[in-house]
């Protein structure tokens, strides 16, 4: 199931906003099934228009067959989740997107995979991908680290990068922009968006790490709401984009906020929140939600930090994807 909130008034799209209101009424009039007519899972995803002919898609925790600590739509294969469940979730996502999903083995580096070569054979260690192919979806795993999606629609070049603390320091963003430029992209034309990640108030780190990060990215650290110091990987990423010549950034938060509000009374999400042991009820979590893109705050996302605080043995992974909007 794809949740497609429309641009808000700030985007100058009031007519589309009214259409979204009408769509909500229609959707609310009949429950949506979580299975297709063959009994297969239907992933709950949030698509966002990035540029003409190009969109990004964020998967949520809903609409898969994983269970226990990994419920429901775990797409990561590095934990102890049932491999058959992960495979079924990935197959369901591929059916929804109607194209192959290219994945890499993320290792917090600045290495970039050229997906024009197709799906990597075996373990391809990289933290970013680029392509000119419209028949592929580039996927980046996340569960607190920042996924970044980029496109130059004129050149037909797309990119995706996994931007954790170590990857940002290593230079994954300039490496990705350069790899796109090598395929004909112009940084001044590139449009980027920052996906769900742990926010500046929640990413608590030790003072030594915070000091090192502050030296590399001045202004990207501050007080944590849990006490101590936190770092701001989103601010650091924006600094890196600006240095690389990318200034056109689409804000994903309004669409994600609308989708979160739509799922406020979703029975599957309510049940998941009542069983995951990661916090209070769904209503309480949403009452305290200030940043819909924060993986720690929003129960739609997987979060390594939230799972660790709940003393879980493992946690799932979402995907942020970029693909042609055919």
C-alpha atoms as a PDB file:
ATOM      1  CA  UNK A   1       0.000   0.000   0.000  1.00  0.00           C
ATOM      2  CA  UNK A   2       1.462   3.310  -1.090  1.00  0.00           C
ATOM      3  CA  UNK A   3       0.541   6.437   0.882  1.00  0.00           C
ATOM      4  CA  UNK A   4       0.685   9.428  -1.440  1.00  0.00           C
ATOM      5  CA  UNK A   5       0.108  12.711   0.415  1.00  0.00           C
ATOM      6  CA  UNK A   6       0.060  15.703  -1.913  1.00  0.00           C
ATOM      7  CA  UNK A   7       2.062  18.939  -1.578  1.00  0.00           C
ATOM      8  CA  UNK A   8       0.736  21.410   0.974  1.00  0.00           C
ATOM      9  CA  UNK A   9      -0.213  25.087   0.678  1.00  0.00           C
ATOM     10  CA  UNK A  10       3.398  26.117   1.186  1.00  0.00           C
ATOM     11  CA  UNK A  11       4.201  24.368  -2.089  1.00  0.00           C
ATOM     12  CA  UNK A  12       1.516  26.402  -3.852  1.00  0.00           C
ATOM     13  CA  UNK A  13      -0.595  23.318  -4.500  1.00  0.00           C
ATOM     14  CA  UNK A  14      -3.873  24.039  -2.697  1.00  0.00           C
ATOM     15  CA  UNK A  15      -5.922  22.216  -5.330  1.00  0.00           C
ATOM     16  CA  UNK A  16      -3.842  19.089  -4.862  1.00  0.00           C
ATOM     17  CA  UNK A  17      -4.198  19.462  -1.098  1.00  0.00           C
ATOM     18  CA  UNK A  18      -7.970  19.450  -1.515  1.00  0.00           C
ATOM     19  CA  UNK A  19      -7.637  16.348  -3.675  1.00  0.00           C
ATOM     20  CA  UNK A  20      -5.659  14.687  -0.864  1.00  0.00           C
ATOM     21  CA  UNK A  21      -8.467  15.532   1.586  1.00  0.00           C
ATOM     22  CA  UNK A  22     -10.995  13.901  -0.741  1.00  0.00           C
ATOM     23  CA  UNK A  23      -8.733  10.888  -1.157  1.00  0.00           C
ATOM     24  CA  UNK A  24      -8.510  10.493   2.616  1.00  0.00           C
ATOM     25  CA  UNK A  25     -12.308  10.388   2.793  1.00  0.00           C
ATOM     26  CA  UNK A  26     -12.447   7.713   0.128  1.00  0.00           C
ATOM     27  CA  UNK A  27      -9.704   5.637   1.731  1.00  0.00           C
ATOM     28  CA  UNK A  28     -11.277   5.888   5.173  1.00  0.00           C
ATOM     29  CA  UNK A  29     -14.588   4.617   3.841  1.00  0.00           C
ATOM     30  CA  UNK A  30     -13.267   1.073   3.431  1.00  0.00           C
ATOM     31  CA  UNK A  31     -10.476  -0.799   5.266  1.00  0.00           C
ATOM     32  CA  UNK A  32      -7.421  -1.544   3.143  1.00  0.00           C
ATOM     33  CA  UNK A  33      -6.199  -5.119   3.074  1.00  0.00           C
ATOM     34  CA  UNK A  34      -2.609  -5.860   4.097  1.00  0.00           C
ATOM     35  CA  UNK A  35      -2.500  -8.818   1.662  1.00  0.00           C
ATOM     36  CA  UNK A  36      -2.977  -9.027  -2.086  1.00  0.00           C
ATOM     37  CA  UNK A  37      -5.388 -11.444  -3.788  1.00  0.00           C
ATOM     38  CA  UNK A  38      -2.738 -14.182  -3.562  1.00  0.00           C
ATOM     39  CA  UNK A  39      -2.216 -13.715   0.165  1.00  0.00           C
ATOM     40  CA  UNK A  40       1.133 -11.942  -0.234  1.00  0.00           C
ATOM     41  CA  UNK A  41       2.102  -8.924   1.910  1.00  0.00           C
ATOM     42  CA  UNK A  42       1.592  -5.388   0.628  1.00  0.00           C
ATOM     43  CA  UNK A  43       4.337  -3.068   1.927  1.00  0.00           C
ATOM     44  CA  UNK A  44       3.178   0.251   3.368  1.00  0.00           C
ATOM     45  CA  UNK A  45       5.395   2.875   1.730  1.00  0.00           C
ATOM     46  CA  UNK A  46       5.564   6.655   1.443  1.00  0.00           C
ATOM     47  CA  UNK A  47       6.376   7.978  -2.057  1.00  0.00           C
ATOM     48  CA  UNK A  48       7.529  11.556  -2.603  1.00  0.00           C
ATOM     49  CA  UNK A  49       8.019  13.406  -5.889  1.00  0.00           C
ATOM     50  CA  UNK A  50      11.655  14.520  -6.045  1.00  0.00           C
ATOM     51  CA  UNK A  51      11.983  15.907  -9.570  1.00  0.00           C
ATOM     52  CA  UNK A  52      10.161  15.598 -12.901  1.00  0.00           C
ATOM     53  CA  UNK A  53       9.929  11.883 -13.648  1.00  0.00           C
ATOM     54  CA  UNK A  54      11.771  10.835 -10.474  1.00  0.00           C
ATOM     55  CA  UNK A  55      10.467   9.877  -7.045  1.00  0.00           C
ATOM     56  CA  UNK A  56      11.742   8.541  -3.760  1.00  0.00           C
ATOM     57  CA  UNK A  57      10.025   5.868  -1.680  1.00  0.00           C
ATOM     58  CA  UNK A  58      10.411   5.251   2.052  1.00  0.00           C
ATOM     59  CA  UNK A  59       9.384   1.875   3.436  1.00  0.00           C
ATOM     60  CA  UNK A  60       7.844   1.700   6.914  1.00  0.00           C
ATOM     61  CA  UNK A  61       7.628  -1.085   9.505  1.00  0.00           C
ATOM     62  CA  UNK A  62       4.201  -2.065   8.162  1.00  0.00           C
ATOM     63  CA  UNK A  63       3.085  -4.510   5.516  1.00  0.00           C
ATOM     64  CA  UNK A  64       5.509  -7.438   5.771  1.00  0.00           C
ATOM     65  CA  UNK A  65       5.791 -10.919   7.235  1.00  0.00           C
ATOM     66  CA  UNK A  66       8.630 -10.494   9.746  1.00  0.00           C
ATOM     67  CA  UNK A  67       7.790 -10.981  13.416  1.00  0.00           C
ATOM     68  CA  UNK A  68       9.044 -10.447  16.970  1.00  0.00           C
ATOM     69  CA  UNK A  69      11.833  -7.834  17.133  1.00  0.00           C
ATOM     70  CA  UNK A  70      11.779  -7.481  13.333  1.00  0.00           C
ATOM     71  CA  UNK A  71       8.063  -6.933  12.730  1.00  0.00           C
ATOM     72  CA  UNK A  72       6.776  -6.361  10.142  1.00  0.00           C
ATOM     73  CA  UNK A  73       8.559  -5.129   7.014  1.00  0.00           C
ATOM     74  CA  UNK A  74      12.198  -5.818   7.835  1.00  0.00           C
ATOM     75  CA  UNK A  75      14.257  -5.583   4.647  1.00  0.00           C
ATOM     76  CA  UNK A  76      17.718  -5.980   6.167  1.00  0.00           C
ATOM     77  CA  UNK A  77      19.524  -9.290   6.035  1.00  0.00           C
ATOM     78  CA  UNK A  78      22.281  -8.770   8.628  1.00  0.00           C
ATOM     79  CA  UNK A  79      20.263  -9.602  11.745  1.00  0.00           C
ATOM     80  CA  UNK A  80      18.749 -12.849  12.958  1.00  0.00           C
ATOM     81  CA  UNK A  81      15.420 -12.410  11.204  1.00  0.00           C
ATOM     82  CA  UNK A  82      14.089 -15.390   9.236  1.00  0.00           C
ATOM     83  CA  UNK A  83      15.807 -15.168   5.820  1.00  0.00           C
ATOM     84  CA  UNK A  84      12.620 -16.376   4.141  1.00  0.00           C
ATOM     85  CA  UNK A  85      10.673 -13.522   5.739  1.00  0.00           C
ATOM     86  CA  UNK A  86      13.251 -10.974   4.569  1.00  0.00           C
ATOM     87  CA  UNK A  87      13.145 -12.458   1.065  1.00  0.00           C
ATOM     88  CA  UNK A  88       9.344 -12.318   1.010  1.00  0.00           C
ATOM     89  CA  UNK A  89       9.417  -8.686   2.133  1.00  0.00           C
ATOM     90  CA  UNK A  90      11.931  -7.765  -0.557  1.00  0.00           C
ATOM     91  CA  UNK A  91       9.953  -9.597  -3.226  1.00  0.00           C
ATOM     92  CA  UNK A  92       6.784  -7.773  -2.158  1.00  0.00           C
ATOM     93  CA  UNK A  93       8.583  -4.429  -2.426  1.00  0.00           C
ATOM     94  CA  UNK A  94       9.922  -5.319  -5.860  1.00  0.00           C
ATOM     95  CA  UNK A  95       6.399  -6.163  -7.022  1.00  0.00           C
ATOM     96  CA  UNK A  96       5.098  -2.857  -5.718  1.00  0.00           C
ATOM     97  CA  UNK A  97       7.846  -0.863  -7.438  1.00  0.00           C
ATOM     98  CA  UNK A  98       7.620  -3.045 -10.561  1.00  0.00           C
ATOM     99  CA  UNK A  99      11.388  -3.172 -11.026  1.00  0.00           C
ATOM    100  CA  UNK A 100      14.522  -4.723  -9.507  1.00  0.00           C
ATOM    101  CA  UNK A 101      15.883  -3.149  -6.332  1.00  0.00           C
ATOM    102  CA  UNK A 102      19.683  -2.746  -6.264  1.00  0.00           C
ATOM    103  CA  UNK A 103      21.226  -3.154  -2.803  1.00  0.00           C
ATOM    104  CA  UNK A 104      24.786  -2.951  -1.512  1.00  0.00           C
ATOM    105  CA  UNK A 105      26.540  -4.126   1.642  1.00  0.00           C
ATOM    106  CA  UNK A 106      26.856  -0.894   3.624  1.00  0.00           C
ATOM    107  CA  UNK A 107      30.059  -0.474   5.643  1.00  0.00           C
ATOM    108  CA  UNK A 108      30.105   3.257   6.592  1.00  0.00           C
ATOM    109  CA  UNK A 109      32.526   4.157   3.803  1.00  0.00           C
ATOM    110  CA  UNK A 110      32.668   6.690   0.956  1.00  0.00           C
ATOM    111  CA  UNK A 111      32.652   4.023  -1.756  1.00  0.00           C
ATOM    112  CA  UNK A 112      30.134   4.382  -4.588  1.00  0.00           C
ATOM    113  CA  UNK A 113      28.715   1.517  -6.673  1.00  0.00           C
ATOM    114  CA  UNK A 114      27.927   2.089 -10.357  1.00  0.00           C
ATOM    115  CA  UNK A 115      24.525   0.409 -10.612  1.00  0.00           C
ATOM    116  CA  UNK A 116      24.565   0.695 -14.409  1.00  0.00           C
ATOM    117  CA  UNK A 117      26.466  -2.571 -14.132  1.00  0.00           C
ATOM    118  CA  UNK A 118      23.345  -4.171 -12.634  1.00  0.00           C
ATOM    119  CA  UNK A 119      22.813  -5.898  -9.314  1.00  0.00           C
ATOM    120  CA  UNK A 120      26.156  -6.619  -7.606  1.00  0.00           C
ATOM    121  CA  UNK A 121      27.206 -10.241  -7.665  1.00  0.00           C
ATOM    122  CA  UNK A 122      28.071 -11.383  -4.166  1.00  0.00           C
ATOM    123  CA  UNK A 123      28.938  -8.856  -1.465  1.00  0.00           C
ATOM    124  CA  UNK A 124      29.511  -5.389  -2.889  1.00  0.00           C
ATOM    125  CA  UNK A 125      30.782  -3.165  -0.086  1.00  0.00           C
ATOM    126  CA  UNK A 126      29.689   0.429  -0.728  1.00  0.00           C
ATOM    127  CA  UNK A 127      27.602   3.142   0.869  1.00  0.00           C
ATOM    128  CA  UNK A 128      26.296   4.911  -2.210  1.00  0.00           C
ATOM    129  CA  UNK A 129      25.013   4.069  -5.668  1.00  0.00           C
ATOM    130  CA  UNK A 130      24.509   5.933  -8.934  1.00  0.00           C
ATOM    131  CA  UNK A 131      22.718   5.025 -12.161  1.00  0.00           C
ATOM    132  CA  UNK A 132      21.348   6.343 -15.442  1.00  0.00           C
ATOM    133  CA  UNK A 133      18.972   3.391 -15.808  1.00  0.00           C
ATOM    134  CA  UNK A 134      15.251   4.009 -15.431  1.00  0.00           C
ATOM    135  CA  UNK A 135      14.457   0.330 -14.942  1.00  0.00           C
ATOM    136  CA  UNK A 136      16.172   0.082 -11.538  1.00  0.00           C
ATOM    137  CA  UNK A 137      15.432   1.267  -8.007  1.00  0.00           C
ATOM    138  CA  UNK A 138      18.465   2.176  -5.906  1.00  0.00           C
ATOM    139  CA  UNK A 139      17.962   1.209  -2.265  1.00  0.00           C
ATOM    140  CA  UNK A 140      19.729   2.391   0.891  1.00  0.00           C
ATOM    141  CA  UNK A 141      19.197   0.671   4.252  1.00  0.00           C
ATOM    142  CA  UNK A 142      18.607   2.794   7.334  1.00  0.00           C
ATOM    143  CA  UNK A 143      17.616   2.510  10.985  1.00  0.00           C
ATOM    144  CA  UNK A 144      18.961   5.837  12.338  1.00  0.00           C
ATOM    145  CA  UNK A 145      21.638   6.739   9.770  1.00  0.00           C
ATOM    146  CA  UNK A 146      20.596   9.257   7.134  1.00  0.00           C
ATOM    147  CA  UNK A 147      19.599   8.047   3.656  1.00  0.00           C
ATOM    148  CA  UNK A 148      20.053  10.698   0.975  1.00  0.00           C
ATOM    149  CA  UNK A 149      18.473  10.533  -2.487  1.00  0.00           C
ATOM    150  CA  UNK A 150      19.676  12.699  -5.374  1.00  0.00           C
ATOM    151  CA  UNK A 151      18.820  13.238  -9.041  1.00  0.00           C
ATOM    152  CA  UNK A 152      19.697  15.391 -12.013  1.00  0.00           C
ATOM    153  CA  UNK A 153      16.528  14.938 -14.079  1.00  0.00           C
ATOM    154  CA  UNK A 154      17.989  16.688 -17.131  1.00  0.00           C
ATOM    155  CA  UNK A 155      20.970  14.336 -17.321  1.00  0.00           C
ATOM    156  CA  UNK A 156      18.908  11.340 -16.208  1.00  0.00           C
ATOM    157  CA  UNK A 157      21.287  10.501 -13.354  1.00  0.00           C
ATOM    158  CA  UNK A 158      20.142   9.273  -9.932  1.00  0.00           C
ATOM    159  CA  UNK A 159      22.088   8.633  -6.755  1.00  0.00           C
ATOM    160  CA  UNK A 160      21.524   7.280  -3.243  1.00  0.00           C
ATOM    161  CA  UNK A 161      23.843   7.519  -0.244  1.00  0.00           C
ATOM    162  CA  UNK A 162      24.001   6.069   3.270  1.00  0.00           C
ATOM    163  CA  UNK A 163      25.116   8.943   5.506  1.00  0.00           C
ATOM    164  CA  UNK A 164      25.923   7.839   9.003  1.00  0.00           C
ATOM    165  CA  UNK A 165      28.394   9.658  11.224  1.00  0.00           C
ATOM    166  CA  UNK A 166      31.383   7.729   9.910  1.00  0.00           C
ATOM    167  CA  UNK A 167      30.260   7.924   6.296  1.00  0.00           C
ATOM    168  CA  UNK A 168      29.812  11.684   6.503  1.00  0.00           C
ATOM    169  CA  UNK A 169      33.302  12.095   7.948  1.00  0.00           C
ATOM    170  CA  UNK A 170      34.676   9.790   5.233  1.00  0.00           C
ATOM    171  CA  UNK A 171      33.110  11.975   2.519  1.00  0.00           C
ATOM    172  CA  UNK A 172      30.312   9.807   1.146  1.00  0.00           C
ATOM    173  CA  UNK A 173      28.297  12.814  -0.085  1.00  0.00           C
ATOM    174  CA  UNK A 174      31.015  14.475  -2.215  1.00  0.00           C
ATOM    175  CA  UNK A 175      31.946  11.027  -3.536  1.00  0.00           C
ATOM    176  CA  UNK A 176      28.331  10.440  -4.601  1.00  0.00           C
ATOM    177  CA  UNK A 177      27.993  13.853  -6.251  1.00  0.00           C
ATOM    178  CA  UNK A 178      31.270  13.312  -8.104  1.00  0.00           C
ATOM    179  CA  UNK A 179      30.131   9.871  -9.296  1.00  0.00           C
ATOM    180  CA  UNK A 180      26.937  11.469 -10.606  1.00  0.00           C
ATOM    181  CA  UNK A 181      28.955  14.218 -12.311  1.00  0.00           C
ATOM    182  CA  UNK A 182      31.084  11.550 -13.981  1.00  0.00           C
ATOM    183  CA  UNK A 183      27.847  10.353 -15.619  1.00  0.00           C
ATOM    184  CA  UNK A 184      26.902  13.813 -16.859  1.00  0.00           C
ATOM    185  CA  UNK A 185      25.115  15.353 -13.880  1.00  0.00           C
ATOM    186  CA  UNK A 186      25.636  18.995 -12.998  1.00  0.00           C
ATOM    187  CA  UNK A 187      25.676  19.682  -9.233  1.00  0.00           C
ATOM    188  CA  UNK A 188      23.757  22.925  -9.813  1.00  0.00           C
ATOM    189  CA  UNK A 189      20.904  20.868 -11.325  1.00  0.00           C
ATOM    190  CA  UNK A 190      20.934  18.060  -8.754  1.00  0.00           C
ATOM    191  CA  UNK A 191      17.883  17.854  -6.509  1.00  0.00           C
ATOM    192  CA  UNK A 192      18.338  16.092  -3.161  1.00  0.00           C
ATOM    193  CA  UNK A 193      16.199  15.044  -0.242  1.00  0.00           C
ATOM    194  CA  UNK A 194      17.128  13.808   3.221  1.00  0.00           C
ATOM    195  CA  UNK A 195      15.255  10.720   4.364  1.00  0.00           C
ATOM    196  CA  UNK A 196      14.293   9.495   7.847  1.00  0.00           C
ATOM    197  CA  UNK A 197      17.140   9.537  10.367  1.00  0.00           C
ATOM    198  CA  UNK A 198      17.757  10.116  14.039  1.00  0.00           C
ATOM    199  CA  UNK A 199      17.354  13.825  14.775  1.00  0.00           C
ATOM    200  CA  UNK A 200      19.704  16.321  16.399  1.00  0.00           C
ATOM    201  CA  UNK A 201      17.908  16.095  19.753  1.00  0.00           C
ATOM    202  CA  UNK A 202      18.103  12.301  19.963  1.00  0.00           C
ATOM    203  CA  UNK A 203      21.548  11.282  18.631  1.00  0.00           C
ATOM    204  CA  UNK A 204      23.419  11.187  21.934  1.00  0.00           C
ATOM    205  CA  UNK A 205      27.164  10.560  21.730  1.00  0.00           C
ATOM    206  CA  UNK A 206      30.185  10.835  23.982  1.00  0.00           C
ATOM    207  CA  UNK A 207      31.987  14.142  24.323  1.00  0.00           C
ATOM    208  CA  UNK A 208      35.042  12.977  22.352  1.00  0.00           C
ATOM    209  CA  UNK A 209      32.934  11.924  19.361  1.00  0.00           C
ATOM    210  CA  UNK A 210      30.926  15.139  19.578  1.00  0.00           C
ATOM    211  CA  UNK A 211      34.100  17.234  19.658  1.00  0.00           C
ATOM    212  CA  UNK A 212      35.538  15.450  16.621  1.00  0.00           C
ATOM    213  CA  UNK A 213      32.277  15.814  14.714  1.00  0.00           C
ATOM    214  CA  UNK A 214      32.028  19.505  15.637  1.00  0.00           C
ATOM    215  CA  UNK A 215      35.540  20.132  14.336  1.00  0.00           C
ATOM    216  CA  UNK A 216      34.617  18.502  11.016  1.00  0.00           C
ATOM    217  CA  UNK A 217      31.139  20.072  10.844  1.00  0.00           C
ATOM    218  CA  UNK A 218      31.012  23.299  12.899  1.00  0.00           C
ATOM    219  CA  UNK A 219      27.601  23.858  14.430  1.00  0.00           C
ATOM    220  CA  UNK A 220      26.481  20.239  14.039  1.00  0.00           C
ATOM    221  CA  UNK A 221      26.421  19.372  17.743  1.00  0.00           C
ATOM    222  CA  UNK A 222      24.439  20.508  20.751  1.00  0.00           C
ATOM    223  CA  UNK A 223      22.510  19.391  23.832  1.00  0.00           C
ATOM    224  CA  UNK A 224      20.668  16.069  23.743  1.00  0.00           C
ATOM    225  CA  UNK A 225      17.150  15.784  25.147  1.00  0.00           C
ATOM    226  CA  UNK A 226      18.323  12.741  27.140  1.00  0.00           C
ATOM    227  CA  UNK A 227      21.194  14.700  28.642  1.00  0.00           C
ATOM    228  CA  UNK A 228      24.756  15.093  27.427  1.00  0.00           C
ATOM    229  CA  UNK A 229      25.662  15.984  23.851  1.00  0.00           C
ATOM    230  CA  UNK A 230      24.047  15.089  20.530  1.00  0.00           C
ATOM    231  CA  UNK A 231      25.242  15.455  16.951  1.00  0.00           C
ATOM    232  CA  UNK A 232      23.200  16.561  13.965  1.00  0.00           C
ATOM    233  CA  UNK A 233      23.906  14.385  10.938  1.00  0.00           C
ATOM    234  CA  UNK A 234      21.260  16.145   8.835  1.00  0.00           C
ATOM    235  CA  UNK A 235      22.940  19.523   9.312  1.00  0.00           C
ATOM    236  CA  UNK A 236      26.312  17.984   8.481  1.00  0.00           C
ATOM    237  CA  UNK A 237      24.820  16.468   5.327  1.00  0.00           C
ATOM    238  CA  UNK A 238      23.455  19.835   4.207  1.00  0.00           C
ATOM    239  CA  UNK A 239      26.899  21.336   4.725  1.00  0.00           C
ATOM    240  CA  UNK A 240      28.409  18.645   2.527  1.00  0.00           C
ATOM    241  CA  UNK A 241      25.785  19.174  -0.167  1.00  0.00           C
ATOM    242  CA  UNK A 242      26.444  22.913  -0.262  1.00  0.00           C
ATOM    243  CA  UNK A 243      30.199  22.374  -0.500  1.00  0.00           C
ATOM    244  CA  UNK A 244      29.603  19.938  -3.380  1.00  0.00           C
ATOM    245  CA  UNK A 245      27.498  22.557  -5.205  1.00  0.00           C
ATOM    246  CA  UNK A 246      24.066  21.039  -4.474  1.00  0.00           C
ATOM    247  CA  UNK A 247      21.652  23.661  -3.148  1.00  0.00           C
ATOM    248  CA  UNK A 248      18.243  22.399  -4.333  1.00  0.00           C
ATOM    249  CA  UNK A 249      16.867  20.347  -1.432  1.00  0.00           C
ATOM    250  CA  UNK A 250      13.314  19.000  -1.260  1.00  0.00           C
ATOM    251  CA  UNK A 251      11.912  18.668   2.268  1.00  0.00           C
ATOM    252  CA  UNK A 252      10.431  15.200   2.857  1.00  0.00           C
ATOM    253  CA  UNK A 253       8.943  16.142   6.231  1.00  0.00           C
ATOM    254  CA  UNK A 254       5.538  17.516   5.091  1.00  0.00           C
ATOM    255  CA  UNK A 255       4.681  14.363   3.112  1.00  0.00           C
ATOM    256  CA  UNK A 256       5.937  12.070   5.851  1.00  0.00           C
ATOM    257  CA  UNK A 257       4.004  14.063   8.431  1.00  0.00           C
ATOM    258  CA  UNK A 258       0.804  13.733   6.405  1.00  0.00           C
ATOM    259  CA  UNK A 259       1.289   9.980   6.004  1.00  0.00           C
ATOM    260  CA  UNK A 260       1.976   9.589   9.733  1.00  0.00           C
ATOM    261  CA  UNK A 261      -1.197  11.509  10.551  1.00  0.00           C
ATOM    262  CA  UNK A 262      -3.172   9.306   8.167  1.00  0.00           C
ATOM    263  CA  UNK A 263      -1.962   6.201  10.036  1.00  0.00           C
ATOM    264  CA  UNK A 264      -2.811   7.682  13.445  1.00  0.00           C
ATOM    265  CA  UNK A 265      -5.626   5.155  13.948  1.00  0.00           C
ATOM    266  CA  UNK A 266      -4.228   2.344  11.825  1.00  0.00           C
ATOM    267  CA  UNK A 267      -4.971  -0.965  13.630  1.00  0.00           C
ATOM    268  CA  UNK A 268      -1.783  -2.665  12.396  1.00  0.00           C
ATOM    269  CA  UNK A 269       0.418   0.183  13.619  1.00  0.00           C
ATOM    270  CA  UNK A 270      -1.486   0.338  16.903  1.00  0.00           C
ATOM    271  CA  UNK A 271      -0.998  -3.393  17.445  1.00  0.00           C
ATOM    272  CA  UNK A 272       2.682  -3.179  16.506  1.00  0.00           C
ATOM    273  CA  UNK A 273       3.265  -0.366  18.997  1.00  0.00           C
ATOM    274  CA  UNK A 274       1.459  -2.297  21.733  1.00  0.00           C
ATOM    275  CA  UNK A 275       3.703  -5.334  21.198  1.00  0.00           C
ATOM    276  CA  UNK A 276       7.114  -3.980  20.223  1.00  0.00           C
ATOM    277  CA  UNK A 277       8.209  -3.034  23.747  1.00  0.00           C
ATOM    278  CA  UNK A 278       9.852   0.131  22.419  1.00  0.00           C
ATOM    279  CA  UNK A 279       7.617   2.675  24.099  1.00  0.00           C
ATOM    280  CA  UNK A 280       4.082   3.670  25.091  1.00  0.00           C
ATOM    281  CA  UNK A 281       0.930   3.332  23.013  1.00  0.00           C
ATOM    282  CA  UNK A 282       0.643   4.626  19.468  1.00  0.00           C
ATOM    283  CA  UNK A 283      -1.488   7.576  20.568  1.00  0.00           C
ATOM    284  CA  UNK A 284       1.077   8.619  23.183  1.00  0.00           C
ATOM    285  CA  UNK A 285       3.972   8.254  20.760  1.00  0.00           C
ATOM    286  CA  UNK A 286       2.250  10.419  18.169  1.00  0.00           C
ATOM    287  CA  UNK A 287       1.255  12.939  20.828  1.00  0.00           C
ATOM    288  CA  UNK A 288       4.959  13.361  21.647  1.00  0.00           C
ATOM    289  CA  UNK A 289       6.055  13.317  17.996  1.00  0.00           C
ATOM    290  CA  UNK A 290       7.663  16.589  16.943  1.00  0.00           C
ATOM    291  CA  UNK A 291       9.794  15.453  14.012  1.00  0.00           C
ATOM    292  CA  UNK A 292       8.138  12.890  11.709  1.00  0.00           C
ATOM    293  CA  UNK A 293      11.451  12.137   9.986  1.00  0.00           C
ATOM    294  CA  UNK A 294      13.154  11.200  13.270  1.00  0.00           C
ATOM    295  CA  UNK A 295      13.610   7.427  13.418  1.00  0.00           C
ATOM    296  CA  UNK A 296      13.826   7.543  17.200  1.00  0.00           C
ATOM    297  CA  UNK A 297      10.516   9.408  17.595  1.00  0.00           C
ATOM    298  CA  UNK A 298       8.291   8.128  14.778  1.00  0.00           C
ATOM    299  CA  UNK A 299       7.065   4.526  15.257  1.00  0.00           C
ATOM    300  CA  UNK A 300       6.750   4.107  11.479  1.00  0.00           C
ATOM    301  CA  UNK A 301      10.510   3.681  11.229  1.00  0.00           C
ATOM    302  CA  UNK A 302      13.007   1.128  12.459  1.00  0.00           C
ATOM    303  CA  UNK A 303      15.503   2.597  14.921  1.00  0.00           C
ATOM    304  CA  UNK A 304      18.676   1.003  16.224  1.00  0.00           C
ATOM    305  CA  UNK A 305      18.790   3.444  19.134  1.00  0.00           C
ATOM    306  CA  UNK A 306      15.140   2.899  20.113  1.00  0.00           C
ATOM    307  CA  UNK A 307      15.544  -0.871  19.937  1.00  0.00           C
ATOM    308  CA  UNK A 308      18.724  -0.719  22.035  1.00  0.00           C
ATOM    309  CA  UNK A 309      16.985   1.317  24.743  1.00  0.00           C
ATOM    310  CA  UNK A 310      14.282  -1.362  24.786  1.00  0.00           C
ATOM    311  CA  UNK A 311      16.997  -4.027  25.276  1.00  0.00           C
ATOM    312  CA  UNK A 312      16.066  -5.819  22.083  1.00  0.00           C
ATOM    313  CA  UNK A 313      18.321  -8.471  20.632  1.00  0.00           C
ATOM    314  CA  UNK A 314      17.862  -7.113  17.131  1.00  0.00           C
ATOM    315  CA  UNK A 315      16.083  -4.581  14.983  1.00  0.00           C
ATOM    316  CA  UNK A 316      14.943  -4.323  11.393  1.00  0.00           C
ATOM    317  CA  UNK A 317      15.940  -2.039   8.540  1.00  0.00           C
ATOM    318  CA  UNK A 318      13.891   0.198   6.290  1.00  0.00           C
ATOM    319  CA  UNK A 319      14.825   1.159   2.741  1.00  0.00           C
ATOM    320  CA  UNK A 320      14.932   4.581   1.146  1.00  0.00           C
ATOM    321  CA  UNK A 321      14.774   4.243  -2.621  1.00  0.00           C
ATOM    322  CA  UNK A 322      15.042   6.419  -5.701  1.00  0.00           C
ATOM    323  CA  UNK A 323      13.549   5.437  -9.044  1.00  0.00           C
ATOM    324  CA  UNK A 324      11.998   6.754 -12.221  1.00  0.00           C
ATOM    325  CA  UNK A 325       8.346   7.654 -11.826  1.00  0.00           C
ATOM    326  CA  UNK A 326       6.999   5.838 -14.881  1.00  0.00           C
END
